[in-house]
Amino acid sequence: MILTKCLPLIWLSLLTVCAGRPLYPLPGKEPQTGKLPLQTSRPYNIAHRGSNGEIPEETAASYLRAIEEGTDFIETDILSSKDGVLIRFHDVILDETTNVATYKEFADRKKTYEVQGFNVTGFFPFDFTLKELKTLRTKQRYAFRDQQYNGKYPIITFEEFIAIARDAPRVVGIYPEIKNPVLMNQHVKWPGGKRFEDKVVETLKKYGYGGSYLSKKWLKKPLFIQSFAPTSLVYISNLTDSPKVLLIDDVTMPTQDTNQTYAEITSDTYFNYIKQYVVGIGPWKDTVVPVNNNYMLAPTDLVKRAHAHNLQVHPYTYRNEHEFLHLNFSQDPYKEYDY
């Protein structure tokens, strides 16, 4: 059975016990023949920022662990260094998941910028060169997670991330997010007037990624490109035929670039427009099943309407930690996933 465009995909942040792991050798030059193909008989398991319930997010070790655990795709967020090198990092500031605050030589880099209409203060990656970023070490975002790997792993580049997938013992897809493109294009300038989005697509093409969903080319190197910025997805539709996913935030959050409301971008009129450019939507899971006082309510019609427009649905983020589980099923993650 082949996965249809209407099946949901699940992003998981896995939490188990593991041993420390060495950094991964790069770049990837492993033979690409004889690998087990990507499964297409069930919804995909997407490792959100790697196996970050166990190991600091978006590190090589976190992605390797997720591959060991059987993920179909490894997911990442793309930002840029001051010198225009694409890195993988989730937040627009380094403060929460690195030890940057302990570096006295970087104390003057703490700044305030406007991000999506809000003033944000911290250490921004685009104020550091790649060489400087590589001196930092990552740490867990939450205190309730295993702290033993704090300070062990560096930030990796987008190309290093791709190499991890390419060198996997089976076909593993990648799921990069074009992160905060408005902010990146404001603060980082590339030769020839190129945009942040151009650099992302150029890097993907460099390593042979492309092809429409489930095409032979795509199945060899599976890829979804995601963004909360619809204009970026429309822009890159002229650069690549790789499948794209429009991310949808909480009901209170507008889009990153067009300042459209949740209601506007989830309307049937908008779905009819955006489906020309994307294969699916990636909604925050509480917009699929709303929550009140930590109890899940009746599902909305979001999935039904998306499927009616032949759009896939890739909800995020499912975590099996008690701090994120709701109370309906006595915090049993398997029953919550089933629901």
Protein backbone atom coordinates (compact mmCIF):
# COMPACT_ATOMS: atom_id res chain seq x y z
CA MET A 1 0.00 0.00 0.00
CA ILE A 2 1.33 3.44 -0.89
CA LEU A 3 0.94 6.37 1.49
CA THR A 4 -1.68 8.72 0.08
CA LYS A 5 -1.47 12.46 0.25
CA CYS A 6 -4.18 12.54 2.89
CA LEU A 7 -2.49 10.46 5.57
CA PRO A 8 -1.27 12.39 8.64
CA LEU A 9 2.39 12.38 9.60
CA ILE A 10 3.60 12.37 13.17
CA TRP A 11 6.54 14.27 14.63
CA LEU A 12 7.96 12.58 17.67
CA SER A 13 10.33 13.72 20.36
CA LEU A 14 11.47 10.40 21.80
CA LEU A 15 12.57 9.86 25.38
CA THR A 16 14.53 6.73 26.34
CA VAL A 17 17.90 5.98 27.90
CA CYS A 18 21.00 5.98 25.73
CA ALA A 19 24.76 6.04 25.93
CA GLY A 20 26.98 8.93 24.86
CA ARG A 21 27.90 8.92 21.19
CA PRO A 22 30.85 10.32 19.24
CA LEU A 23 30.54 13.06 16.66
CA TYR A 24 29.67 11.81 13.20
CA PRO A 25 32.41 11.76 10.52
CA LEU A 26 31.72 14.17 7.65
CA PRO A 27 31.17 14.69 4.81
CA GLY A 28 29.05 11.73 3.82
CA LYS A 29 30.62 9.57 1.13
CA GLU A 30 29.00 6.24 1.84
CA PRO A 31 27.76 4.17 -1.14
CA GLN A 32 24.10 4.81 -1.85
CA THR A 33 23.28 1.36 -3.23
CA GLY A 34 21.66 -1.52 -1.39
CA LYS A 35 19.91 0.55 1.26
CA LEU A 36 16.48 -0.33 2.54
CA PRO A 37 14.01 2.13 0.98
CA LEU A 38 11.83 4.59 2.82
CA GLN A 39 8.67 2.89 4.05
CA THR A 40 5.46 4.22 2.48
CA SER A 41 2.92 1.85 4.03
CA ARG A 42 2.06 3.94 7.10
CA PRO A 43 2.25 7.55 8.26
CA TYR A 44 5.81 8.83 8.53
CA ASN A 45 7.65 9.16 11.82
CA ILE A 46 9.44 12.52 11.79
CA ALA A 47 12.12 13.01 14.44
CA HIS A 48 11.55 16.60 15.48
CA ARG A 49 15.00 18.14 16.07
CA GLY A 50 16.29 14.57 16.34
CA SER A 51 15.75 12.48 19.45
CA ASN A 52 15.84 15.59 21.59
CA GLY A 53 14.07 14.02 24.55
CA GLU A 54 17.34 12.17 25.13
CA ILE A 55 20.13 14.30 23.64
CA PRO A 56 20.35 18.09 23.09
CA GLU A 57 18.28 19.08 20.09
CA GLU A 58 19.59 19.32 16.54
CA THR A 59 22.98 17.86 17.34
CA ALA A 60 24.62 15.12 15.30
CA ALA A 61 24.21 12.73 18.23
CA SER A 62 20.50 13.52 18.50
CA TYR A 63 19.94 12.77 14.81
CA LEU A 64 21.99 9.58 14.90
CA ARG A 65 19.96 8.38 17.87
CA ALA A 66 16.70 9.08 16.04
CA ILE A 67 17.91 7.07 13.04
CA GLU A 68 18.80 4.19 15.35
CA GLU A 69 15.29 4.36 16.78
CA GLY A 70 13.75 3.99 13.34
CA THR A 71 12.69 7.46 12.27
CA ASP A 72 11.69 7.97 8.63
CA PHE A 73 12.74 11.64 8.52
CA ILE A 74 15.06 13.81 10.58
CA GLU A 75 13.74 17.34 11.00
CA THR A 76 15.78 20.51 11.38
CA ASP A 77 15.61 24.30 11.40
CA ILE A 78 17.86 26.36 9.15
CA LEU A 79 19.38 29.70 10.16
CA SER A 80 22.54 31.49 9.05
CA SER A 81 25.82 32.58 10.61
CA LYS A 82 27.18 36.11 10.15
CA ASP A 83 29.35 34.90 7.28
CA GLY A 84 26.44 33.35 5.43
CA VAL A 85 26.93 29.68 6.33
CA LEU A 86 23.69 27.78 6.83
CA ILE A 87 23.48 26.21 10.27
CA ARG A 88 20.86 24.10 11.96
CA PHE A 89 19.40 25.74 15.03
CA HIS A 90 15.85 26.19 16.24
CA ASP A 91 15.66 29.47 18.16
CA VAL A 92 16.51 32.89 16.77
CA ILE A 93 18.71 33.33 19.86
CA LEU A 94 21.38 30.98 21.20
CA ASP A 95 20.58 31.50 24.87
CA GLU A 96 18.27 28.59 25.69
CA THR A 97 20.16 25.66 24.17
CA THR A 98 23.85 26.63 24.18
CA ASN A 99 26.41 27.82 26.74
CA VAL A 100 26.97 31.16 24.94
CA ALA A 101 26.30 33.16 28.10
CA THR A 102 29.43 31.69 29.72
CA TYR A 103 31.75 33.19 27.09
CA LYS A 104 33.04 36.56 28.34
CA GLU A 105 34.44 37.39 24.91
CA PHE A 106 30.92 37.30 23.48
CA ALA A 107 29.24 39.39 26.19
CA ASP A 108 28.90 42.41 23.88
CA ARG A 109 27.04 40.34 21.27
CA LYS A 110 23.84 40.34 23.33
CA LYS A 111 21.45 42.56 21.42
CA THR A 112 17.80 43.37 20.90
CA TYR A 113 16.09 43.00 17.52
CA GLU A 114 12.51 43.06 16.39
CA VAL A 115 11.27 39.57 15.53
CA GLN A 116 7.73 39.23 14.20
CA GLY A 117 6.63 42.44 15.88
CA PHE A 118 8.23 41.69 19.25
CA ASN A 119 11.51 42.93 20.72
CA VAL A 120 13.71 39.92 21.44
CA THR A 121 16.94 40.21 23.43
CA GLY A 122 19.70 37.63 23.32
CA PHE A 123 22.61 36.25 21.34
CA PHE A 124 21.58 35.96 17.69
CA PRO A 125 23.39 33.44 15.44
CA PHE A 126 23.76 35.97 12.65
CA ASP A 127 26.02 38.07 14.90
CA PHE A 128 28.54 35.20 15.07
CA THR A 129 30.78 33.70 12.40
CA LEU A 130 30.64 29.97 11.86
CA LYS A 131 34.04 29.61 13.52
CA GLU A 132 32.71 31.35 16.63
CA LEU A 133 29.50 29.32 16.66
CA LYS A 134 31.54 26.11 16.49
CA THR A 135 33.19 26.98 19.81
CA LEU A 136 29.82 26.84 21.59
CA ARG A 137 28.37 23.69 23.08
CA THR A 138 24.74 22.68 23.24
CA LYS A 139 22.57 21.85 26.23
CA GLN A 140 19.10 20.50 26.93
CA ARG A 141 16.24 22.97 26.69
CA TYR A 142 14.38 21.60 29.72
CA ALA A 143 15.69 20.77 33.18
CA PHE A 144 13.53 17.62 33.40
CA ARG A 145 15.47 16.02 30.53
CA ASP A 146 18.73 14.10 30.85
CA GLN A 147 21.48 16.65 31.50
CA GLN A 148 24.48 14.34 31.06
CA TYR A 149 25.09 15.40 27.46
CA ASN A 150 25.16 19.13 28.15
CA GLY A 151 28.36 20.73 26.92
CA LYS A 152 29.40 17.80 24.71
CA TYR A 153 28.09 18.57 21.24
CA PRO A 154 28.62 21.55 18.91
CA ILE A 155 26.24 23.29 16.55
CA ILE A 156 26.31 21.62 13.13
CA THR A 157 25.90 23.10 9.68
CA PHE A 158 23.10 22.31 7.26
CA GLU A 159 25.57 20.35 5.11
CA GLU A 160 26.69 18.30 8.10
CA PHE A 161 23.03 17.53 8.82
CA ILE A 162 22.49 16.36 5.24
CA ALA A 163 25.55 14.11 5.49
CA ILE A 164 24.04 12.33 8.50
CA ALA A 165 20.99 11.36 6.45
CA ARG A 166 23.09 10.41 3.42
CA ASP A 167 25.32 8.14 5.49
CA ALA A 168 22.47 6.36 7.28
CA PRO A 169 22.35 2.56 6.80
CA ARG A 170 18.93 2.89 5.15
CA VAL A 171 17.12 5.65 3.26
CA VAL A 172 16.32 8.43 5.74
CA GLY A 173 14.53 11.56 4.61
CA ILE A 174 15.26 15.13 5.67
CA TYR A 175 12.73 17.74 6.72
CA PRO A 176 14.36 21.20 6.90
CA GLU A 177 12.54 24.36 7.90
CA ILE A 178 13.31 27.69 6.27
CA LYS A 179 13.38 29.45 9.62
CA ASN A 180 12.47 33.12 10.06
CA PRO A 181 13.36 34.07 6.46
CA VAL A 182 12.37 37.71 6.94
CA LEU A 183 14.82 38.07 9.83
CA MET A 184 17.58 36.20 7.98
CA ASN A 185 17.26 38.29 4.85
CA GLN A 186 17.33 41.48 6.94
CA HIS A 187 20.58 40.66 8.73
CA VAL A 188 22.60 38.42 6.41
CA LYS A 189 23.65 39.41 2.91
CA TRP A 190 24.84 36.94 0.29
CA PRO A 191 26.79 37.73 -2.91
CA GLY A 192 24.78 38.56 -6.00
CA GLY A 193 21.76 39.64 -4.02
CA LYS A 194 20.77 36.06 -3.26
CA ARG A 195 18.18 35.38 -0.61
CA PHE A 196 18.22 33.02 2.34
CA GLU A 197 15.76 30.81 0.47
CA ASP A 198 18.11 30.65 -2.55
CA LYS A 199 20.93 29.35 -0.36
CA VAL A 200 18.75 26.65 1.18
CA VAL A 201 17.62 25.35 -2.21
CA GLU A 202 21.15 25.58 -3.65
CA THR A 203 22.44 23.41 -0.82
CA LEU A 204 19.73 20.82 -1.34
CA LYS A 205 20.41 20.67 -5.06
CA LYS A 206 24.15 20.36 -4.41
CA TYR A 207 23.46 17.04 -2.69
CA GLY A 208 20.99 15.78 -5.29
CA TYR A 209 17.70 16.50 -3.56
CA GLY A 210 14.69 17.17 -5.76
CA GLY A 211 11.73 15.55 -7.42
CA SER A 212 8.02 15.61 -6.76
CA TYR A 213 6.47 13.64 -3.92
CA LEU A 214 6.89 9.84 -4.34
CA SER A 215 8.76 10.23 -7.65
CA LYS A 216 11.74 7.92 -8.20
CA LYS A 217 14.13 10.77 -7.56
CA TRP A 218 12.34 11.78 -4.38
CA LEU A 219 12.27 8.23 -3.00
CA LYS A 220 16.06 8.03 -3.32
CA LYS A 221 16.50 11.18 -1.23
CA PRO A 222 13.20 12.01 0.47
CA LEU A 223 12.66 15.64 1.38
CA PHE A 224 9.96 17.99 2.64
CA ILE A 225 10.70 21.72 2.87
CA GLN A 226 8.68 23.52 5.53
CA SER A 227 8.14 27.11 6.58
CA PHE A 228 5.81 29.35 8.57
CA ALA A 229 6.34 31.96 5.83
CA PRO A 230 4.03 31.31 2.87
CA THR A 231 5.80 33.79 0.58
CA SER A 232 9.03 31.81 0.99
CA LEU A 233 7.28 28.61 -0.08
CA VAL A 234 5.74 30.36 -3.09
CA TYR A 235 9.17 31.80 -3.96
CA ILE A 236 11.00 28.47 -3.87
CA SER A 237 8.28 26.78 -5.91
CA ASN A 238 10.03 28.40 -8.89
CA LEU A 239 13.37 26.92 -7.77
CA THR A 240 12.52 23.32 -6.89
CA ASP A 241 9.76 20.78 -7.38
CA SER A 242 10.45 19.18 -3.98
CA PRO A 243 7.33 18.89 -1.79
CA LYS A 244 6.67 21.81 0.52
CA VAL A 245 4.64 22.14 3.72
CA LEU A 246 3.05 25.28 5.15
CA LEU A 247 3.52 25.31 8.91
CA ILE A 248 0.64 26.62 10.98
CA ASP A 249 1.15 27.97 14.48
CA ASP A 250 -1.24 28.37 17.36
CA VAL A 251 -4.54 30.15 16.72
CA THR A 252 -3.13 33.35 18.23
CA MET A 253 -0.05 33.56 15.99
CA PRO A 254 0.06 35.28 12.57
CA THR A 255 2.26 34.14 9.69
CA GLN A 256 5.92 35.19 9.83
CA ASP A 257 5.86 37.26 6.65
CA THR A 258 2.34 38.22 5.59
CA ASN A 259 0.85 38.81 9.06
CA GLN A 260 -2.17 36.70 8.17
CA THR A 261 -4.26 35.26 10.96
CA TYR A 262 -4.79 31.60 11.73
CA ALA A 263 -8.38 31.88 10.50
CA GLU A 264 -7.24 33.35 7.19
CA ILE A 265 -4.63 30.68 6.38
CA THR A 266 -6.90 27.80 7.39
CA SER A 267 -9.89 28.96 5.34
CA ASP A 268 -11.07 26.93 2.36
CA THR A 269 -10.29 29.88 0.13
CA TYR A 270 -6.68 29.96 1.28
CA PHE A 271 -6.28 26.17 1.10
CA ASN A 272 -7.48 26.35 -2.49
CA TYR A 273 -4.76 28.94 -3.19
CA ILE A 274 -1.81 27.50 -1.30
CA LYS A 275 -2.28 23.94 -2.60
CA GLN A 276 -0.79 25.16 -5.88
CA TYR A 277 2.54 25.47 -4.04
CA VAL A 278 2.50 22.95 -1.17
CA VAL A 279 1.59 19.28 -0.68
CA GLY A 280 0.42 19.77 2.85
CA ILE A 281 0.07 21.77 6.04
CA GLY A 282 1.96 21.31 9.30
CA PRO A 283 -0.36 22.45 12.10
CA TRP A 284 0.37 22.72 15.80
CA LYS A 285 -1.41 19.65 17.16
CA ASP A 286 -3.65 21.68 19.47
CA THR A 287 -5.31 23.14 16.38
CA VAL A 288 -6.27 19.58 15.38
CA VAL A 289 -7.47 18.61 18.87
CA PRO A 290 -7.97 21.71 21.04
CA VAL A 291 -7.00 21.64 24.71
CA ASN A 292 -8.58 23.31 27.73
CA ASN A 293 -7.16 22.99 31.26
CA ASN A 294 -4.89 20.24 29.93
CA TYR A 295 -7.80 18.14 28.67
CA MET A 296 -8.25 17.43 24.98
CA LEU A 297 -11.58 18.47 23.51
CA ALA A 298 -13.45 17.34 20.41
CA PRO A 299 -11.36 17.56 17.22
CA THR A 300 -11.75 20.51 14.88
CA ASP A 301 -12.56 20.08 11.19
CA LEU A 302 -9.06 21.18 10.14
CA VAL A 303 -7.85 17.75 8.99
CA LYS A 304 -11.10 16.99 7.19
CA ARG A 305 -10.99 20.27 5.28
CA ALA A 306 -7.29 19.94 4.44
CA HIS A 307 -7.87 16.45 3.07
CA ALA A 308 -10.79 17.77 1.04
CA HIS A 309 -8.24 20.00 -0.71
CA ASN A 310 -5.91 17.02 -1.21
CA LEU A 311 -3.45 18.40 1.33
CA GLN A 312 -1.40 16.18 3.62
CA VAL A 313 -1.45 16.96 7.33
CA HIS A 314 1.82 16.84 9.32
CA PRO A 315 0.92 17.78 12.92
CA TYR A 316 3.60 18.71 15.45
CA THR A 317 4.92 17.99 18.12
CA TYR A 318 4.09 14.75 19.93
CA ARG A 319 6.15 14.16 23.08
CA ASN A 320 5.91 11.27 25.52
CA GLU A 321 6.98 13.29 28.55
CA HIS A 322 4.48 13.92 31.35
CA GLU A 323 5.11 17.66 31.14
CA PHE A 324 3.56 17.65 27.64
CA LEU A 325 0.91 14.94 27.91
CA HIS A 326 -2.76 15.73 28.54
CA LEU A 327 -4.90 14.22 31.27
CA ASN A 328 -7.58 12.42 29.23
CA PHE A 329 -5.80 9.06 29.24
CA SER A 330 -3.92 9.27 32.55
CA GLN A 331 -0.99 10.65 30.52
CA ASP A 332 -0.58 7.44 28.54
CA PRO A 333 1.28 8.61 25.42
CA TYR A 334 0.20 5.66 23.27
CA LYS A 335 -3.49 6.23 23.93
CA GLU A 336 -3.05 9.95 23.28
CA TYR A 337 -1.29 9.25 19.97
CA ASP A 338 -4.09 6.85 19.00
CA TYR A 339 -6.69 9.49 19.77
